[in-house]
Protein backbone atom coordinates (compact mmCIF):
# COMPACT_ATOMS: atom_id res chain seq x y z
CA UNK A 1 24.79 -91.15 -57.38
CA UNK A 2 23.41 -90.88 -60.92
CA UNK A 3 25.23 -90.00 -64.14
CA UNK A 4 23.56 -86.59 -63.97
CA UNK A 5 25.18 -85.92 -60.59
CA UNK A 6 28.64 -86.18 -62.17
CA UNK A 7 28.04 -83.39 -64.71
CA UNK A 8 29.89 -80.11 -64.19
CA UNK A 9 27.38 -78.34 -66.46
CA UNK A 10 24.10 -79.31 -68.18
CA UNK A 11 25.02 -81.62 -71.04
CA UNK A 12 22.07 -83.99 -71.58
CA UNK A 13 20.16 -83.57 -74.86
CA UNK A 14 16.39 -83.93 -75.11
CA UNK A 15 15.67 -85.09 -78.65
CA UNK A 16 11.91 -84.49 -78.43
CA UNK A 17 10.44 -81.29 -76.98
CA UNK A 18 7.37 -79.26 -77.91
CA UNK A 19 6.42 -75.72 -77.03
CA UNK A 20 4.92 -75.28 -73.52
CA UNK A 21 2.89 -72.42 -74.98
CA UNK A 22 -0.52 -71.93 -76.57
CA UNK A 23 0.98 -72.14 -80.08
CA UNK A 24 1.34 -75.90 -79.66
CA UNK A 25 -0.89 -76.98 -76.81
CA UNK A 26 -4.05 -75.09 -77.73
CA UNK A 27 -3.80 -73.84 -81.32
CA UNK A 28 -2.11 -76.72 -83.13
CA UNK A 29 -3.23 -79.37 -80.66
CA UNK A 30 -6.83 -78.41 -80.14
CA UNK A 31 -9.27 -81.06 -78.96
CA UNK A 32 -6.97 -83.97 -79.85
CA UNK A 33 -4.28 -82.53 -77.57
CA UNK A 34 -6.78 -82.17 -74.75
CA UNK A 35 -7.54 -85.86 -75.20
CA UNK A 36 -3.83 -86.62 -74.86
CA UNK A 37 -3.53 -84.46 -71.76
CA UNK A 38 -6.43 -86.31 -70.22
CA UNK A 39 -4.74 -89.61 -71.02
CA UNK A 40 -1.45 -88.49 -69.46
CA UNK A 41 -3.27 -87.04 -66.46
CA UNK A 42 -1.86 -83.56 -67.07
CA UNK A 43 -3.39 -80.11 -67.33
CA UNK A 44 -3.31 -77.94 -70.45
CA UNK A 45 -1.56 -75.12 -68.62
CA UNK A 46 1.09 -73.08 -70.41
CA UNK A 47 4.34 -71.39 -69.35
CA UNK A 48 7.22 -69.52 -70.92
CA UNK A 49 10.59 -70.62 -72.27
CA UNK A 50 12.60 -69.16 -69.41
CA UNK A 51 10.74 -71.45 -67.02
CA UNK A 52 11.26 -74.39 -69.36
CA UNK A 53 15.01 -73.82 -69.64
CA UNK A 54 15.37 -73.37 -65.88
CA UNK A 55 13.52 -76.64 -65.34
CA UNK A 56 15.78 -78.40 -67.84
CA UNK A 57 19.02 -77.03 -66.41
CA UNK A 58 18.02 -78.22 -62.94
CA UNK A 59 17.91 -81.74 -64.40
CA UNK A 60 21.25 -81.49 -66.21
CA UNK A 61 19.78 -80.94 -69.68
CA UNK A 62 21.78 -78.49 -71.79
CA UNK A 63 20.03 -78.69 -75.16
CA UNK A 64 16.66 -79.65 -76.57
CA UNK A 65 15.30 -80.21 -80.06
CA UNK A 66 12.32 -77.89 -80.43
CA UNK A 67 9.92 -79.46 -82.91
CA UNK A 68 7.68 -77.73 -85.40
CA UNK A 69 4.19 -79.01 -86.15
CA UNK A 70 2.02 -78.86 -89.26
CA UNK A 71 -0.90 -81.27 -89.55
CA UNK A 72 -3.28 -78.67 -90.91
CA UNK A 73 -4.66 -80.59 -93.89
CA UNK A 74 -5.65 -83.68 -91.90
CA UNK A 75 -6.77 -82.01 -88.65
CA UNK A 76 -7.86 -78.53 -89.67
CA UNK A 77 -5.77 -77.08 -86.83
CA UNK A 78 -3.24 -74.30 -87.53
CA UNK A 79 0.45 -75.24 -87.54
CA UNK A 80 3.22 -74.18 -85.22
CA UNK A 81 4.88 -72.02 -87.90
CA UNK A 82 8.45 -72.80 -88.89
CA UNK A 83 9.25 -69.11 -88.61
CA UNK A 84 8.14 -69.23 -84.97
CA UNK A 85 10.40 -72.23 -84.27
CA UNK A 86 13.31 -70.32 -85.83
CA UNK A 87 12.51 -67.23 -83.75
CA UNK A 88 12.57 -69.21 -80.50
CA UNK A 89 15.80 -70.91 -81.59
CA UNK A 90 17.35 -67.52 -82.30
CA UNK A 91 16.22 -66.15 -78.94
CA UNK A 92 17.83 -69.07 -77.06
CA UNK A 93 20.55 -70.27 -79.48
CA UNK A 94 22.62 -72.08 -76.85
CA UNK A 95 19.70 -74.23 -75.77
CA UNK A 96 17.26 -74.94 -78.62
CA UNK A 97 17.93 -76.87 -81.82
CA UNK A 98 15.11 -76.07 -84.24
CA UNK A 99 13.40 -78.77 -86.32
CA UNK A 100 10.79 -77.65 -88.82
CA UNK A 101 7.61 -79.36 -89.92
CA UNK A 102 6.05 -79.61 -93.34
CA UNK A 103 2.61 -81.00 -94.09
CA UNK A 104 3.19 -83.69 -96.74
CA UNK A 105 -0.38 -83.22 -98.02
CA UNK A 106 0.23 -79.57 -98.95
CA UNK A 107 1.25 -78.72 -102.51
CA UNK A 108 4.14 -76.51 -101.33
CA UNK A 109 5.70 -79.04 -98.93
CA UNK A 110 8.89 -79.44 -100.95
CA UNK A 111 9.39 -75.69 -101.31
CA UNK A 112 8.73 -75.21 -97.59
CA UNK A 113 11.28 -77.90 -96.72
CA UNK A 114 13.91 -76.07 -98.75
CA UNK A 115 12.98 -72.73 -97.14
CA UNK A 116 13.26 -74.25 -93.66
CA UNK A 117 16.89 -75.19 -94.21
CA UNK A 118 18.18 -72.59 -96.65
CA UNK A 119 16.36 -69.50 -95.28
CA UNK A 120 15.51 -70.34 -91.65
CA UNK A 121 18.59 -72.49 -90.96
CA UNK A 122 16.53 -75.15 -89.18
CA UNK A 123 18.42 -78.33 -88.37
CA UNK A 124 15.95 -81.05 -89.37
CA UNK A 125 12.30 -82.05 -89.67
CA UNK A 126 9.59 -83.69 -87.60
CA UNK A 127 6.77 -85.82 -89.03
CA UNK A 128 3.77 -87.07 -87.06
CA UNK A 129 2.22 -89.44 -89.55
CA UNK A 130 -0.92 -90.18 -87.52
CA UNK A 131 -1.82 -86.53 -87.01
CA UNK A 132 -0.74 -85.67 -90.57
CA UNK A 133 -2.65 -88.63 -92.02
CA UNK A 134 -0.03 -89.95 -94.42
CA UNK A 135 1.92 -93.07 -95.25
CA UNK A 136 5.62 -92.12 -95.56
CA UNK A 137 6.28 -95.14 -97.80
CA UNK A 138 3.80 -93.92 -100.43
CA UNK A 139 5.66 -92.93 -103.59
CA UNK A 140 3.67 -89.69 -103.62
CA UNK A 141 6.10 -88.43 -100.97
CA UNK A 142 9.31 -89.57 -102.66
CA UNK A 143 10.19 -86.08 -103.93
CA UNK A 144 9.87 -84.64 -100.42
CA UNK A 145 12.23 -87.19 -98.89
CA UNK A 146 14.59 -86.95 -101.85
CA UNK A 147 14.76 -83.22 -101.19
CA UNK A 148 15.38 -83.58 -97.45
CA UNK A 149 18.06 -86.17 -98.13
CA UNK A 150 19.74 -83.74 -100.52
CA UNK A 151 19.49 -80.97 -97.91
CA UNK A 152 21.58 -83.16 -95.61
CA UNK A 153 19.49 -82.79 -92.43
CA UNK A 154 17.94 -85.52 -90.25
CA UNK A 155 14.25 -86.28 -89.73
CA UNK A 156 12.19 -87.41 -86.76
CA UNK A 157 9.28 -89.75 -87.52
CA UNK A 158 6.59 -90.64 -85.02
CA UNK A 159 6.67 -94.32 -84.02
CA UNK A 160 3.79 -96.38 -82.64
CA UNK A 161 0.39 -95.46 -81.31
CA UNK A 162 -0.55 -91.90 -80.39
CA UNK A 163 -2.56 -90.58 -77.47
CA UNK A 164 -3.79 -87.71 -79.64
CA UNK A 165 -7.55 -88.15 -79.78
CA UNK A 166 -7.42 -91.00 -77.26
CA UNK A 167 -10.80 -91.95 -75.83
CA UNK A 168 -12.83 -89.77 -78.18
CA UNK A 169 -15.36 -91.27 -80.61
CA UNK A 170 -13.37 -92.63 -83.53
CA UNK A 171 -10.19 -91.19 -82.04
CA UNK A 172 -11.11 -87.94 -83.84
CA UNK A 173 -10.56 -89.75 -87.13
CA UNK A 174 -6.83 -90.31 -86.54
CA UNK A 175 -5.52 -93.64 -87.89
CA UNK A 176 -2.79 -95.34 -85.87
CA UNK A 177 -1.71 -97.56 -88.79
CA UNK A 178 0.44 -94.67 -90.01
CA UNK A 179 2.57 -95.07 -86.86
CA UNK A 180 3.81 -98.51 -87.91
CA UNK A 181 7.61 -98.19 -88.21
CA UNK A 182 7.61 -100.67 -91.12
CA UNK A 183 6.42 -97.74 -93.25
CA UNK A 184 9.56 -95.86 -92.20
CA UNK A 185 11.73 -98.82 -93.17
CA UNK A 186 10.85 -98.21 -96.81
CA UNK A 187 12.00 -94.59 -96.54
CA UNK A 188 15.25 -95.65 -94.85
CA UNK A 189 15.98 -98.26 -97.52
CA UNK A 190 15.34 -95.88 -100.41
CA UNK A 191 17.17 -92.91 -98.82
CA UNK A 192 20.35 -94.35 -97.29
CA UNK A 193 21.88 -90.91 -96.69
CA UNK A 194 18.83 -89.71 -94.74
CA UNK A 195 19.40 -89.92 -90.98
CA UNK A 196 16.16 -91.01 -89.30
CA UNK A 197 15.14 -90.92 -85.65
CA UNK A 198 12.01 -92.87 -84.74
CA UNK A 199 10.41 -91.07 -81.82
CA UNK A 200 9.04 -93.16 -78.94
CA UNK A 201 9.19 -96.90 -78.24
CA UNK A 202 6.84 -97.84 -81.09
CA UNK A 203 4.07 -99.63 -79.18
CA UNK A 204 2.61 -102.02 -80.31
CA UNK A 205 5.35 -102.47 -82.94
CA UNK A 206 8.40 -102.48 -80.64
CA UNK A 207 9.96 -105.57 -82.24
CA UNK A 208 9.62 -104.12 -85.72
CA UNK A 209 11.29 -100.94 -84.51
CA UNK A 210 14.18 -102.85 -82.93
CA UNK A 211 14.65 -104.86 -86.13
CA UNK A 212 14.77 -101.71 -88.27
CA UNK A 213 17.23 -99.95 -85.97
CA UNK A 214 19.45 -103.02 -85.98
CA UNK A 215 19.30 -103.53 -89.76
CA UNK A 216 19.37 -99.94 -91.04
CA UNK A 217 22.51 -98.00 -90.21
CA UNK A 218 20.70 -94.71 -90.78
CA UNK A 219 17.83 -95.36 -88.31
CA UNK A 220 17.79 -94.59 -84.58
CA UNK A 221 15.13 -94.40 -81.87
CA UNK A 222 14.39 -92.45 -78.71
CA UNK A 223 12.57 -93.05 -75.42
CA UNK A 224 10.33 -89.99 -75.60
CA UNK A 225 6.67 -90.12 -74.73
CA UNK A 226 7.09 -93.01 -72.30
CA UNK A 227 8.28 -93.30 -68.73
CA UNK A 228 10.95 -96.03 -68.66
CA UNK A 229 8.85 -98.12 -66.25
CA UNK A 230 6.31 -98.60 -69.05
CA UNK A 231 8.81 -99.45 -71.80
CA UNK A 232 8.91 -103.08 -72.94
CA UNK A 233 11.68 -105.13 -71.28
CA UNK A 234 13.10 -106.22 -74.64
CA UNK A 235 13.45 -102.59 -75.72
CA UNK A 236 15.30 -101.76 -72.49
CA UNK A 237 17.55 -104.81 -72.97
CA UNK A 238 18.42 -103.85 -76.56
CA UNK A 239 19.14 -100.27 -75.45
CA UNK A 240 21.69 -101.61 -72.96
CA UNK A 241 23.31 -104.03 -75.43
CA UNK A 242 23.13 -104.35 -79.22
CA UNK A 243 21.47 -100.96 -79.78
CA UNK A 244 23.33 -98.94 -77.15
CA UNK A 245 24.71 -96.69 -79.91
CA UNK A 246 21.27 -96.17 -81.48
CA UNK A 247 18.98 -95.07 -78.62
CA UNK A 248 18.51 -91.51 -77.32
CA UNK A 249 16.81 -89.68 -74.49
CA UNK A 250 13.64 -87.69 -75.11
CA UNK A 251 10.72 -86.50 -73.01
CA UNK A 252 7.84 -85.34 -75.27
CA UNK A 253 7.78 -82.18 -73.15
CA UNK A 254 5.51 -80.76 -71.82
CA UNK A 255 3.42 -83.93 -71.70
CA UNK A 256 6.21 -85.66 -69.76
CA UNK A 257 8.48 -83.51 -67.59
CA UNK A 258 12.21 -84.27 -67.20
CA UNK A 259 12.23 -84.85 -63.44
CA UNK A 260 9.47 -87.43 -63.66
CA UNK A 261 11.20 -89.19 -66.58
CA UNK A 262 14.55 -89.34 -64.78
CA UNK A 263 12.98 -90.73 -61.61
CA UNK A 264 11.66 -93.66 -63.65
CA UNK A 265 14.93 -93.98 -65.60
CA UNK A 266 17.03 -94.23 -62.42
CA UNK A 267 14.77 -96.98 -61.10
CA UNK A 268 14.19 -99.07 -64.21
CA UNK A 269 17.27 -98.64 -66.44
CA UNK A 270 20.05 -100.58 -64.73
CA UNK A 271 23.08 -100.21 -66.97
CA UNK A 272 26.75 -99.16 -66.76
CA UNK A 273 27.38 -95.41 -66.67
CA UNK A 274 29.04 -95.51 -70.07
CA UNK A 275 25.80 -96.84 -71.59
CA UNK A 276 23.71 -94.23 -69.79
CA UNK A 277 25.97 -91.46 -71.12
CA UNK A 278 25.40 -92.74 -74.66
CA UNK A 279 21.64 -92.69 -74.22
CA UNK A 280 21.48 -89.35 -72.42
CA UNK A 281 23.74 -87.28 -74.68
CA UNK A 282 26.57 -88.98 -76.59
CA UNK A 283 24.39 -90.68 -79.22
CA UNK A 284 22.46 -87.44 -79.79
CA UNK A 285 25.69 -85.49 -80.18
CA UNK A 286 26.74 -87.93 -82.89
CA UNK A 287 23.32 -87.92 -84.60
CA UNK A 288 23.13 -84.12 -84.63
CA UNK A 289 26.80 -83.58 -85.49
CA UNK A 290 27.46 -81.53 -82.37
């Protein structure tokens, strides 16, 4: 019997979900997303939110962070608009937690961050530094992170390599150096009241990520984007021990589906049930203030 089998109702929280619709997969993602789908061995098919929620509930997942996306300046692809994220959140308020996205290379990024929270009531922000083509530690972005810290909402940063553009000539110009979590460490040090979640085990910088999560009280990480069987053994060990209060569940839906992730989790994450509960929902509840 798994921890999920003991739940009376869906309670698990997915900290990293994208839209299973054309807005994300085809419009915002474009050719670089097709590269990622090829790498994951998945098709670029789309489906609706009712099907997504039904799939999640069958796996014991009761809430998911729905992430916005704006990498327009660096990629030329249109964003997943923050207004659209808010609309989906409002349509399914018991399930989705909306996180906006602002393009740090746009002149209005600070104003848009304020609008996301004060007008759209979004609960946080997502940054994908490789797709967005920016170094979060650059002082040019200090005002943006000062503003988000003042707004009192958390942020998700991408950690590690990205399969976006994988296998294409030049990786479609995307630079993986921006996924080094050491760049996020600067932001965490200079913004101690900013709660930060590093998405994904940050391959090939897993040790740096573990060090930051251990040293910075305001930094956490999730397991999204990777099946547990592929996650480094040291990361799994830290998640069971010294970082058991700092690690969260995530899928990177629709690129990884919940059932497939849980099958790998049940096989490769051997830990007491109380630790599994922390990873699957308790740590996220604390991080999100639920």
